[in-house]
Amino acid sequence: MPTLFKKDRLSKKDLLGKVWLFNVWASWCAACRDEHPLLVQLSHSGLVDIVGLNYKDSVADARKWLQQFGNPYAVIAFDETGDVGIDYGVYGVPETFVIDKQGIVRLKHIGPLTNDDVQSKIIPLVISLKEEKT
């Protein structure tokens, strides 16, 4: 996947051995704005890296949005056409996936995350997956 801020590419191999979140978002998405403070808070906790997929957006709008609301992402892939999203089975934005150390999707959350979702589903699952032996 091409990244938003670099010309480098990100592959599954780069993330093997880590538990991480994959968050699909767009600057034009009102629901993404609702969940964004939770993602910023989660990223500041240091518990888990969040990889973003900027979906069907413009680079300029995405950068402006991140400057305005903060950047919770360790890296951001850019999917202008939606092809990468199709590969992940994305229905729309936002969507968040919890990925285990083997690169397997362990949870797919469709729609904006709430504080209850983060506290009762995301964090416990991330902690459990991090404790698993590979």
C-alpha atoms as a PDB file:
ATOM      1  CA  MET A   1       0.000   0.000   0.000  1.00  0.00           C
ATOM      2  CA  PRO A   2       1.403   3.439  -0.762  1.00  0.00           C
ATOM      3  CA  THR A   3       1.683   5.616   2.329  1.00  0.00           C
ATOM      4  CA  LEU A   4       0.239   9.089   2.720  1.00  0.00           C
ATOM      5  CA  PHE A   5       3.334  10.873   3.944  1.00  0.00           C
ATOM      6  CA  LYS A   6       6.099   8.784   2.394  1.00  0.00           C
ATOM      7  CA  LYS A   7       6.759   7.161  -0.940  1.00  0.00           C
ATOM      8  CA  ASP A   8       7.612   3.925   0.846  1.00  0.00           C
ATOM      9  CA  ARG A   9       5.238   1.008   0.827  1.00  0.00           C
ATOM     10  CA  LEU A  10       3.861  -0.896   3.780  1.00  0.00           C
ATOM     11  CA  SER A  11       3.448  -4.654   3.603  1.00  0.00           C
ATOM     12  CA  LYS A  12       2.038  -7.331   5.878  1.00  0.00           C
ATOM     13  CA  LYS A  13       5.607  -8.486   6.519  1.00  0.00           C
ATOM     14  CA  ASP A  14       6.421  -5.109   8.116  1.00  0.00           C
ATOM     15  CA  LEU A  15       3.826  -5.722  10.832  1.00  0.00           C
ATOM     16  CA  LEU A  16       4.227  -9.441  11.550  1.00  0.00           C
ATOM     17  CA  GLY A  17       4.974 -10.136  15.194  1.00  0.00           C
ATOM     18  CA  LYS A  18       2.990  -7.091  16.361  1.00  0.00           C
ATOM     19  CA  VAL A  19      -0.581  -6.603  17.466  1.00  0.00           C
ATOM     20  CA  TRP A  20      -1.981  -3.523  15.769  1.00  0.00           C
ATOM     21  CA  LEU A  21      -5.131  -1.708  14.764  1.00  0.00           C
ATOM     22  CA  PHE A  22      -6.084  -0.928  11.194  1.00  0.00           C
ATOM     23  CA  ASN A  23      -8.429   2.055  11.004  1.00  0.00           C
ATOM     24  CA  VAL A  24     -10.120   3.066   7.752  1.00  0.00           C
ATOM     25  CA  TRP A  25     -11.030   6.754   7.698  1.00  0.00           C
ATOM     26  CA  ALA A  26     -11.594   9.787   5.493  1.00  0.00           C
ATOM     27  CA  SER A  27     -11.601  13.537   5.999  1.00  0.00           C
ATOM     28  CA  TRP A  28     -15.111  13.748   4.507  1.00  0.00           C
ATOM     29  CA  CYS A  29     -16.516  11.244   7.035  1.00  0.00           C
ATOM     30  CA  ALA A  30     -18.516  12.781   9.898  1.00  0.00           C
ATOM     31  CA  ALA A  31     -18.496   9.527  11.899  1.00  0.00           C
ATOM     32  CA  CYS A  32     -14.690   9.415  11.591  1.00  0.00           C
ATOM     33  CA  ARG A  33     -14.551  12.791  13.293  1.00  0.00           C
ATOM     34  CA  ASP A  34     -16.666  11.393  16.151  1.00  0.00           C
ATOM     35  CA  GLU A  35     -14.303   8.475  16.835  1.00  0.00           C
ATOM     36  CA  HIS A  36     -11.051  10.332  16.158  1.00  0.00           C
ATOM     37  CA  PRO A  37     -10.461  11.651  19.721  1.00  0.00           C
ATOM     38  CA  LEU A  38     -10.649   8.057  20.984  1.00  0.00           C
ATOM     39  CA  LEU A  39      -8.011   6.978  18.469  1.00  0.00           C
ATOM     40  CA  VAL A  40      -5.750   9.865  19.493  1.00  0.00           C
ATOM     41  CA  GLN A  41      -6.196   8.921  23.155  1.00  0.00           C
ATOM     42  CA  LEU A  42      -5.504   5.242  22.431  1.00  0.00           C
ATOM     43  CA  SER A  43      -2.374   6.063  20.438  1.00  0.00           C
ATOM     44  CA  HIS A  44      -1.066   8.257  23.260  1.00  0.00           C
ATOM     45  CA  SER A  45      -1.531   5.368  25.691  1.00  0.00           C
ATOM     46  CA  GLY A  46       1.227   3.453  23.890  1.00  0.00           C
ATOM     47  CA  LEU A  47      -0.769   0.228  24.120  1.00  0.00           C
ATOM     48  CA  VAL A  48      -1.042  -0.431  20.398  1.00  0.00           C
ATOM     49  CA  ASP A  49       0.086   1.038  17.087  1.00  0.00           C
ATOM     50  CA  ILE A  50      -2.646   2.225  14.777  1.00  0.00           C
ATOM     51  CA  VAL A  51      -2.197   1.988  11.033  1.00  0.00           C
ATOM     52  CA  GLY A  52      -4.566   4.227   9.124  1.00  0.00           C
ATOM     53  CA  LEU A  53      -6.026   3.758   5.683  1.00  0.00           C
ATOM     54  CA  ASN A  54      -7.137   7.057   4.224  1.00  0.00           C
ATOM     55  CA  TYR A  55     -10.018   5.977   2.012  1.00  0.00           C
ATOM     56  CA  LYS A  56     -11.276   7.661  -1.170  1.00  0.00           C
ATOM     57  CA  ASP A  57      -9.889  11.019  -0.114  1.00  0.00           C
ATOM     58  CA  SER A  58      -7.433  13.613  -1.360  1.00  0.00           C
ATOM     59  CA  VAL A  59      -3.954  13.849   0.133  1.00  0.00           C
ATOM     60  CA  ALA A  60      -4.404  17.579   0.770  1.00  0.00           C
ATOM     61  CA  ASP A  61      -7.709  17.106   2.605  1.00  0.00           C
ATOM     62  CA  ALA A  62      -6.318  14.211   4.661  1.00  0.00           C
ATOM     63  CA  ARG A  63      -3.247  16.190   5.724  1.00  0.00           C
ATOM     64  CA  LYS A  64      -5.335  19.225   6.643  1.00  0.00           C
ATOM     65  CA  TRP A  65      -7.697  17.037   8.682  1.00  0.00           C
ATOM     66  CA  LEU A  66      -4.808  15.417  10.582  1.00  0.00           C
ATOM     67  CA  GLN A  67      -3.230  18.806  11.301  1.00  0.00           C
ATOM     68  CA  GLN A  68      -6.545  20.033  12.681  1.00  0.00           C
ATOM     69  CA  PHE A  69      -7.542  16.985  14.753  1.00  0.00           C
ATOM     70  CA  GLY A  70      -4.220  15.233  15.483  1.00  0.00           C
ATOM     71  CA  ASN A  71      -2.531  12.177  14.048  1.00  0.00           C
ATOM     72  CA  PRO A  72      -2.989   8.929  15.992  1.00  0.00           C
ATOM     73  CA  TYR A  73      -1.432   6.806  13.242  1.00  0.00           C
ATOM     74  CA  ALA A  74       2.002   5.187  13.244  1.00  0.00           C
ATOM     75  CA  VAL A  75       1.714   5.108   9.457  1.00  0.00           C
ATOM     76  CA  ILE A  76      -1.034   5.997   7.018  1.00  0.00           C
ATOM     77  CA  ALA A  77      -1.713   4.223   3.757  1.00  0.00           C
ATOM     78  CA  PHE A  78      -3.488   6.201   1.065  1.00  0.00           C
ATOM     79  CA  ASP A  79      -6.268   4.541  -0.942  1.00  0.00           C
ATOM     80  CA  GLU A  80      -7.565   7.162  -3.354  1.00  0.00           C
ATOM     81  CA  THR A  81      -9.514   4.698  -5.515  1.00  0.00           C
ATOM     82  CA  GLY A  82     -10.797   2.368  -2.785  1.00  0.00           C
ATOM     83  CA  ASP A  83      -9.005  -0.693  -4.188  1.00  0.00           C
ATOM     84  CA  VAL A  84      -7.137  -1.470  -0.950  1.00  0.00           C
ATOM     85  CA  GLY A  85     -10.365  -1.132   0.998  1.00  0.00           C
ATOM     86  CA  ILE A  86     -12.000  -3.669  -1.294  1.00  0.00           C
ATOM     87  CA  ASP A  87      -9.166  -6.106  -0.537  1.00  0.00           C
ATOM     88  CA  TYR A  88      -9.959  -5.756   3.194  1.00  0.00           C
ATOM     89  CA  GLY A  89     -13.724  -6.045   2.704  1.00  0.00           C
ATOM     90  CA  VAL A  90     -14.364  -2.458   3.734  1.00  0.00           C
ATOM     91  CA  TYR A  91     -18.025  -1.466   3.470  1.00  0.00           C
ATOM     92  CA  GLY A  92     -17.478   2.179   4.322  1.00  0.00           C
ATOM     93  CA  VAL A  93     -15.812   4.429   6.821  1.00  0.00           C
ATOM     94  CA  PRO A  94     -14.971   4.243   9.584  1.00  0.00           C
ATOM     95  CA  GLU A  95     -14.011   0.651  10.131  1.00  0.00           C
ATOM     96  CA  THR A  96     -11.447  -0.669  12.582  1.00  0.00           C
ATOM     97  CA  PHE A  97      -9.702  -4.035  12.580  1.00  0.00           C
ATOM     98  CA  VAL A  98      -7.640  -5.656  15.351  1.00  0.00           C
ATOM     99  CA  ILE A  99      -4.791  -7.609  13.766  1.00  0.00           C
ATOM    100  CA  ASP A 100      -2.827 -10.271  15.656  1.00  0.00           C
ATOM    101  CA  LYS A 101       0.894 -11.083  15.526  1.00  0.00           C
ATOM    102  CA  GLN A 102       0.396 -13.447  12.588  1.00  0.00           C
ATOM    103  CA  GLY A 103      -1.405 -10.777  10.572  1.00  0.00           C
ATOM    104  CA  ILE A 104      -4.843 -12.317  11.085  1.00  0.00           C
ATOM    105  CA  VAL A 105      -7.886 -10.103  11.567  1.00  0.00           C
ATOM    106  CA  ARG A 106      -9.281 -10.954  15.001  1.00  0.00           C
ATOM    107  CA  LEU A 107     -11.979  -8.279  15.165  1.00  0.00           C
ATOM    108  CA  LYS A 108     -13.682  -6.095  12.593  1.00  0.00           C
ATOM    109  CA  HIS A 109     -15.671  -3.170  13.955  1.00  0.00           C
ATOM    110  CA  ILE A 110     -17.941  -1.464  11.434  1.00  0.00           C
ATOM    111  CA  GLY A 111     -18.869   2.135  12.204  1.00  0.00           C
ATOM    112  CA  PRO A 112     -17.415   4.650  14.639  1.00  0.00           C
ATOM    113  CA  LEU A 113     -15.769   3.367  17.789  1.00  0.00           C
ATOM    114  CA  THR A 114     -17.268   4.515  21.074  1.00  0.00           C
ATOM    115  CA  ASN A 115     -15.511   4.745  24.415  1.00  0.00           C
ATOM    116  CA  ASP A 116     -17.384   1.595  25.460  1.00  0.00           C
ATOM    117  CA  ASP A 117     -16.134  -0.247  22.348  1.00  0.00           C
ATOM    118  CA  VAL A 118     -12.543   0.741  23.101  1.00  0.00           C
ATOM    119  CA  GLN A 119     -12.746  -0.118  26.802  1.00  0.00           C
ATOM    120  CA  SER A 120     -14.798  -3.326  26.604  1.00  0.00           C
ATOM    121  CA  LYS A 121     -13.663  -4.849  23.264  1.00  0.00           C
ATOM    122  CA  ILE A 122     -10.551  -3.289  21.745  1.00  0.00           C
ATOM    123  CA  ILE A 123      -8.258  -2.887  24.757  1.00  0.00           C
ATOM    124  CA  PRO A 124      -8.997  -6.316  26.325  1.00  0.00           C
ATOM    125  CA  LEU A 125      -8.487  -8.039  22.977  1.00  0.00           C
ATOM    126  CA  VAL A 126      -5.238  -6.193  22.275  1.00  0.00           C
ATOM    127  CA  ILE A 127      -3.893  -7.097  25.721  1.00  0.00           C
ATOM    128  CA  SER A 128      -4.916 -10.736  25.299  1.00  0.00           C
ATOM    129  CA  LEU A 129      -3.316 -10.969  21.855  1.00  0.00           C
ATOM    130  CA  LYS A 130      -0.104  -9.349  23.045  1.00  0.00           C
ATOM    131  CA  GLU A 131       0.157 -11.974  25.786  1.00  0.00           C
ATOM    132  CA  GLU A 132      -0.227 -14.875  23.330  1.00  0.00           C
ATOM    133  CA  LYS A 133       2.929 -16.756  22.520  1.00  0.00           C
ATOM    134  CA  THR A 134       3.751 -17.032  18.839  1.00  0.00           C
END
